[in-house]
Each structure stands twice: as structure tokens, then as C-alpha cells.
């Protein structure tokens, strides 16, 4: 475990809610090896903490998550990282406590998988989402496990094939998030939802979540390896490497 000065995900518990805060502003909370490893560890910690009934995942700034860490992907390959993100989604889905996400601002690509895996997702209505993989010669493969389970098929096609930005309000209409509210109401709305969920008995929460997510767990288990392999193959392709190199150059 990293110390508090270098950790990218913070853990705090109050009123039966464990809050996991993504705090890697240098890369806009990209899914680096360190961030994913810490988030996974904190989720497991919350799952085993008897004082916790609900887990909230949020970010310290407006950007919730910018997706895969492309600098790592271009230097180290994506096979291991892809499987790590599959495992992260599965952990969120199978955790025996409700997982809630709160996003004030931007969510891109792989970050959308975290939101789709959560039991309840609340967004600011003017927050922005985009499945940008298609623009880089990639596909939303590993996050399709959860994203396509949540979104209605027509909306999934539009957003996955187009790769364009859509709003929190549209994300709610598409089925990706539970609800979208004005930004100045986001904190109060999420606090009320977490407080309500925390009134559930541990056994009731555990068994209800198991029933609700049975089909999604099966989907991840059947398709997870295939999607991770597909993601790694696409990241390693010449087309994607050229697109990612150009993208990273534009950011500098």
C-alpha cells in the first residue's frame, strides 16, 4: 500500500459510507496501474469493513476519469492492464455492498466502465461522457461488458460507433447512469441516496445485489477473457499506435 503522500485513491469512512476518492490530477485520473491497483484494494477493504454499508466512488476534481493511461499502454502493452480493468469491473459488480458513483464532470472511455459497473450512478446533468476508443482505432471492448449491459442497444450503437461527447442528462436517458441532476444539487442527491442505501440490512443488501447482478456477472465471466484479448490486440496494432502517438503529441 502506498503512503498518503503518494496514493492516488483516498479512503475515508463516515456514517456507514466508505468514500473512495480518485486523486490523480496529473493524468486526469487515467486508469494507470497504480490507480487501478489502489482502487481495487480500497474496494476490497470496504467490502470487509463491518462498519461500511455503502461504497461511494468520486473524484477530487471535475474530471472523474479520462480512461486508459495511454502513456502506459504505448510503452508496456495492454494485455495485463486490460485484464486488471475487467477484474475491477467484476469486483464492483460482485462486492457485497452497494457501489455508488458520483461524477461532476468529464468521464471518458475506460472510466465509463467504472460508472457502468456501479449499482447506482449519479451525474451532473452537464457533465460530459465519450466512448472515444473508435477515434483511436480501438473499440470499447473491456468496458462493453458493463456499458452495453446498462445502455439501451440503440444508444450503445450511437455512442460507441460515433465516439462523440454526450451529456449527463443524455447518459441518464440512455440508461448509463441512474439519474442526472444540476451540478449544485449533486452532493445532496448522492448523500441522500447513500444514506437511504445504508439503512439496508447487510444480508438484504448482499442478497439483493447478488440477484440484481447475476446476469451481469455471468456476462463478465463468459466474455471477459475475449474482450481483454481483443483490447490488447487492438492496442498493439499499427493503426492504434499511430493514433495514440499522435494524440499524446497533441497533448504536449
Protein backbone atom coordinates (compact mmCIF):
# COMPACT_ATOMS: atom_id res chain seq x y z
CA UNK A 1 0.00 0.00 0.00
CA UNK A 2 1.33 3.44 -0.89
CA UNK A 3 1.61 6.12 1.77
CA UNK A 4 -0.85 9.01 1.92
CA UNK A 5 1.51 11.42 0.18
CA UNK A 6 1.78 9.31 -2.98
CA UNK A 7 -1.55 7.46 -3.10
CA UNK A 8 -3.89 8.15 -5.98
CA UNK A 9 -7.07 6.86 -4.31
CA UNK A 10 -8.05 8.04 -0.84
CA UNK A 11 -10.21 6.07 1.60
CA UNK A 12 -12.48 7.52 4.30
CA UNK A 13 -15.48 6.21 6.24
CA UNK A 14 -18.32 8.27 7.68
CA UNK A 15 -21.90 7.34 8.57
CA UNK A 16 -21.52 3.80 7.17
CA UNK A 17 -20.32 5.11 3.79
CA UNK A 18 -16.79 4.39 2.56
CA UNK A 19 -15.75 7.15 0.17
CA UNK A 20 -13.06 6.31 -2.37
CA UNK A 21 -11.71 9.46 -3.99
CA UNK A 22 -9.76 9.31 -7.24
CA UNK A 23 -6.98 11.90 -6.94
CA UNK A 24 -4.53 11.74 -9.85
CA UNK A 25 -4.87 15.19 -11.44
CA UNK A 26 -1.58 14.90 -13.35
CA UNK A 27 -3.18 12.46 -15.81
CA UNK A 28 -6.85 13.35 -15.22
CA UNK A 29 -7.45 10.20 -13.15
CA UNK A 30 -6.41 7.93 -16.01
CA UNK A 31 -6.54 4.21 -15.27
CA UNK A 32 -2.85 3.75 -14.55
CA UNK A 33 -1.58 0.58 -12.94
CA UNK A 34 -1.22 2.39 -9.61
CA UNK A 35 -4.70 3.93 -9.62
CA UNK A 36 -6.44 0.68 -10.61
CA UNK A 37 -4.45 -1.31 -8.03
CA UNK A 38 -5.29 1.14 -5.25
CA UNK A 39 -8.97 1.36 -6.21
CA UNK A 40 -9.18 -2.44 -6.23
CA UNK A 41 -7.54 -2.64 -2.79
CA UNK A 42 -9.81 0.02 -1.29
CA UNK A 43 -12.92 -1.68 -2.67
CA UNK A 44 -11.84 -4.92 -1.02
CA UNK A 45 -11.11 -3.01 2.20
CA UNK A 46 -14.61 -1.51 2.18
CA UNK A 47 -16.09 -4.91 1.43
CA UNK A 48 -14.52 -6.41 4.54
CA UNK A 49 -15.22 -3.44 6.85
CA UNK A 50 -18.23 -4.23 9.04
CA UNK A 51 -18.83 -0.53 9.68
CA UNK A 52 -19.43 0.09 5.96
CA UNK A 53 -22.78 -0.45 4.26
CA UNK A 54 -22.26 1.59 1.08
CA UNK A 55 -19.24 2.46 -1.09
CA UNK A 56 -19.04 5.79 -2.91
CA UNK A 57 -16.53 6.38 -5.71
CA UNK A 58 -15.89 10.02 -6.64
CA UNK A 59 -13.05 12.25 -7.81
CA UNK A 60 -11.21 15.12 -6.21
CA UNK A 61 -11.65 17.36 -9.27
CA UNK A 62 -14.13 17.81 -12.08
CA UNK A 63 -12.64 15.02 -14.21
CA UNK A 64 -13.90 11.69 -12.88
CA UNK A 65 -11.69 9.55 -15.13
CA UNK A 66 -10.09 10.09 -18.53
CA UNK A 67 -9.89 6.40 -19.43
CA UNK A 68 -6.85 4.23 -20.07
CA UNK A 69 -3.41 5.62 -19.35
CA UNK A 70 -2.21 5.81 -22.96
CA UNK A 71 1.38 6.52 -21.94
CA UNK A 72 1.49 3.16 -20.16
CA UNK A 73 -0.33 1.42 -22.96
CA UNK A 74 2.15 2.56 -25.59
CA UNK A 75 5.21 1.54 -23.57
CA UNK A 76 4.10 -1.59 -21.73
CA UNK A 77 1.33 -3.09 -23.83
CA UNK A 78 -2.25 -3.58 -22.71
CA UNK A 79 -2.86 -7.27 -22.01
CA UNK A 80 -2.23 -7.14 -18.25
CA UNK A 81 -3.86 -3.74 -17.89
CA UNK A 82 -6.96 -4.86 -19.78
CA UNK A 83 -7.41 -7.86 -17.51
CA UNK A 84 -6.94 -5.62 -14.47
CA UNK A 85 -9.82 -3.43 -15.61
CA UNK A 86 -12.01 -6.48 -16.28
CA UNK A 87 -11.26 -7.64 -12.74
CA UNK A 88 -12.02 -4.17 -11.36
CA UNK A 89 -15.44 -4.12 -13.00
CA UNK A 90 -16.18 -7.62 -11.73
CA UNK A 91 -15.20 -6.63 -8.20
CA UNK A 92 -17.56 -3.64 -8.24
CA UNK A 93 -20.39 -5.80 -9.57
CA UNK A 94 -19.84 -8.62 -7.04
CA UNK A 95 -18.96 -6.55 -3.97
CA UNK A 96 -21.47 -7.44 -1.28
CA UNK A 97 -22.30 -3.79 -0.67
CA UNK A 98 -23.90 -1.21 -2.99
CA UNK A 99 -21.40 0.84 -5.00
CA UNK A 100 -22.39 4.38 -5.96
CA UNK A 101 -20.52 6.68 -8.35
CA UNK A 102 -20.69 10.47 -8.42
CA UNK A 103 -19.30 12.50 -11.30
CA UNK A 104 -19.36 16.26 -11.51
CA UNK A 105 -17.52 16.48 -14.81
CA UNK A 106 -15.83 14.52 -17.55
CA UNK A 107 -15.78 10.74 -17.95
CA UNK A 108 -14.08 9.13 -20.90
CA UNK A 109 -13.57 5.65 -22.34
CA UNK A 110 -12.48 3.18 -19.62
CA UNK A 111 -13.75 5.44 -16.84
CA UNK A 112 -17.26 4.83 -18.14
CA UNK A 113 -16.77 1.15 -17.26
CA UNK A 114 -16.46 2.04 -13.57
CA UNK A 115 -19.70 4.00 -13.72
CA UNK A 116 -21.48 1.23 -15.63
CA UNK A 117 -20.31 -1.40 -13.12
CA UNK A 118 -21.68 0.57 -10.16
CA UNK A 119 -25.11 -0.22 -8.75
CA UNK A 120 -26.16 3.44 -8.69
CA UNK A 121 -24.54 6.19 -10.78
CA UNK A 122 -25.38 9.86 -10.33
CA UNK A 123 -24.05 12.54 -12.66
CA UNK A 124 -24.23 16.28 -13.01
CA UNK A 125 -26.56 16.87 -15.92
CA UNK A 126 -23.96 18.96 -17.77
CA UNK A 127 -21.11 16.51 -17.19
CA UNK A 128 -19.62 15.02 -20.34
CA UNK A 129 -19.12 11.42 -21.44
CA UNK A 130 -17.49 9.94 -24.54
CA UNK A 131 -16.56 6.46 -25.72
CA UNK A 132 -13.56 7.78 -27.63
CA UNK A 133 -11.93 4.44 -28.45
CA UNK A 134 -13.24 4.36 -32.01
CA UNK A 135 -11.37 7.59 -32.80
CA UNK A 136 -8.05 5.89 -31.92
CA UNK A 137 -8.56 2.70 -33.91
CA UNK A 138 -9.70 0.89 -30.77
CA UNK A 139 -13.02 -0.50 -29.52
CA UNK A 140 -14.77 -0.19 -26.17
CA UNK A 141 -14.06 -3.88 -25.60
CA UNK A 142 -13.41 -4.47 -21.91
CA UNK A 143 -15.92 -1.87 -20.76
CA UNK A 144 -18.55 -3.22 -23.15
CA UNK A 145 -19.01 -5.91 -20.50
CA UNK A 146 -20.79 -3.42 -18.26
CA UNK A 147 -21.60 -0.48 -20.54
CA UNK A 148 -23.62 -2.50 -23.04
CA UNK A 149 -25.43 -4.22 -20.18
CA UNK A 150 -26.65 -0.84 -18.87
CA UNK A 151 -27.30 1.16 -22.05
CA UNK A 152 -30.17 0.51 -24.40
CA UNK A 153 -28.88 -1.01 -27.67
CA UNK A 154 -29.63 1.97 -29.92
CA UNK A 155 -27.84 4.36 -27.57
CA UNK A 156 -24.90 1.96 -27.25
CA UNK A 157 -24.53 1.90 -31.04
CA UNK A 158 -24.72 5.68 -31.37
CA UNK A 159 -22.18 6.42 -28.64
CA UNK A 160 -19.80 3.53 -29.37
CA UNK A 161 -19.62 3.99 -33.13
CA UNK A 162 -19.73 7.79 -33.06
CA UNK A 163 -17.31 8.39 -30.22
CA UNK A 164 -18.85 11.82 -29.70
CA UNK A 165 -19.43 13.67 -26.44
CA UNK A 166 -22.79 13.29 -24.71
CA UNK A 167 -24.08 14.88 -21.52
CA UNK A 168 -25.01 13.52 -18.13
CA UNK A 169 -28.65 14.16 -18.94
CA UNK A 170 -28.28 12.10 -22.12
CA UNK A 171 -26.40 9.40 -20.18
CA UNK A 172 -29.43 9.07 -17.91
CA UNK A 173 -31.78 8.82 -20.91
CA UNK A 174 -29.51 6.16 -22.42
CA UNK A 175 -29.56 4.06 -19.23
CA UNK A 176 -25.86 4.53 -18.48
CA UNK A 177 -26.41 6.49 -15.26
CA UNK A 178 -29.22 6.23 -12.75
CA UNK A 179 -30.02 9.92 -12.73
CA UNK A 180 -28.58 13.29 -13.67
CA UNK A 181 -29.15 16.39 -11.57
CA UNK A 182 -27.96 20.01 -11.69
CA UNK A 183 -24.35 20.28 -10.53
CA UNK A 184 -25.28 22.33 -7.46
CA UNK A 185 -27.57 19.53 -6.29
CA UNK A 186 -25.18 16.65 -6.94
CA UNK A 187 -23.64 16.39 -3.46
CA UNK A 188 -27.01 16.49 -1.69
CA UNK A 189 -28.56 13.97 -4.08
CA UNK A 190 -25.73 11.48 -3.66
CA UNK A 191 -25.67 11.94 0.12
CA UNK A 192 -29.40 11.20 0.28
CA UNK A 193 -29.04 8.08 -1.89
CA UNK A 194 -26.13 6.77 0.18
CA UNK A 195 -27.99 7.42 3.42
CA UNK A 196 -31.01 5.53 2.08
CA UNK A 197 -28.92 2.57 0.91
CA UNK A 198 -27.13 2.46 4.27
CA UNK A 199 -30.44 1.66 6.01
CA UNK A 200 -30.45 -1.75 4.33
CA UNK A 201 -29.53 -4.79 6.41
CA UNK A 202 -26.21 -6.38 5.37
CA UNK A 203 -27.83 -9.66 4.34
CA UNK A 204 -30.59 -7.86 2.48
CA UNK A 205 -28.11 -5.72 0.57
CA UNK A 206 -25.84 -8.66 -0.22
CA UNK A 207 -28.55 -10.98 -1.47
CA UNK A 208 -30.47 -8.30 -3.35
CA UNK A 209 -27.31 -7.25 -5.16
CA UNK A 210 -26.48 -10.88 -6.00
CA UNK A 211 -29.91 -11.30 -7.62
CA UNK A 212 -29.79 -7.97 -9.44
CA UNK A 213 -26.33 -8.57 -10.90
CA UNK A 214 -26.48 -12.28 -11.68
CA UNK A 215 -26.78 -11.77 -15.44
CA UNK A 216 -24.02 -9.15 -15.46
CA UNK A 217 -21.60 -11.37 -13.54
CA UNK A 218 -22.29 -14.19 -16.00
CA UNK A 219 -21.66 -11.82 -18.92
CA UNK A 220 -18.30 -10.76 -17.47
CA UNK A 221 -17.27 -14.34 -16.79
CA UNK A 222 -18.20 -15.54 -20.29
CA UNK A 223 -16.78 -12.61 -22.28
CA UNK A 224 -14.07 -11.13 -20.04
CA UNK A 225 -11.10 -13.04 -21.44
CA UNK A 226 -12.19 -12.47 -25.04
CA UNK A 227 -12.66 -8.74 -24.52
CA UNK A 228 -9.28 -8.39 -22.77
CA UNK A 229 -7.58 -10.22 -25.63
CA UNK A 230 -9.39 -8.07 -28.19
CA UNK A 231 -8.39 -4.89 -26.37
CA UNK A 232 -4.74 -5.93 -26.19
CA UNK A 233 -4.73 -6.86 -29.90
CA UNK A 234 -6.16 -3.50 -30.92
CA UNK A 235 -3.80 -1.52 -28.69
CA UNK A 236 -0.86 -3.37 -30.27
CA UNK A 237 -1.99 -2.65 -33.84
CA UNK A 238 -0.08 -0.22 -36.03
CA UNK A 239 -3.21 1.84 -36.64
CA UNK A 240 -3.89 2.35 -32.94
CA UNK A 241 -0.26 3.00 -32.04
CA UNK A 242 -0.03 5.72 -34.69
CA UNK A 243 -3.27 7.30 -33.48
CA UNK A 244 -2.22 7.16 -29.80
CA UNK A 245 1.22 8.60 -30.56
CA UNK A 246 -0.38 11.47 -32.45
CA UNK A 247 -2.89 12.01 -29.65
CA UNK A 248 -0.18 12.12 -26.96
CA UNK A 249 1.88 14.52 -29.10
CA UNK A 250 -1.08 16.89 -29.38
CA UNK A 251 -1.47 16.89 -25.59
CA UNK A 252 2.14 18.01 -25.01
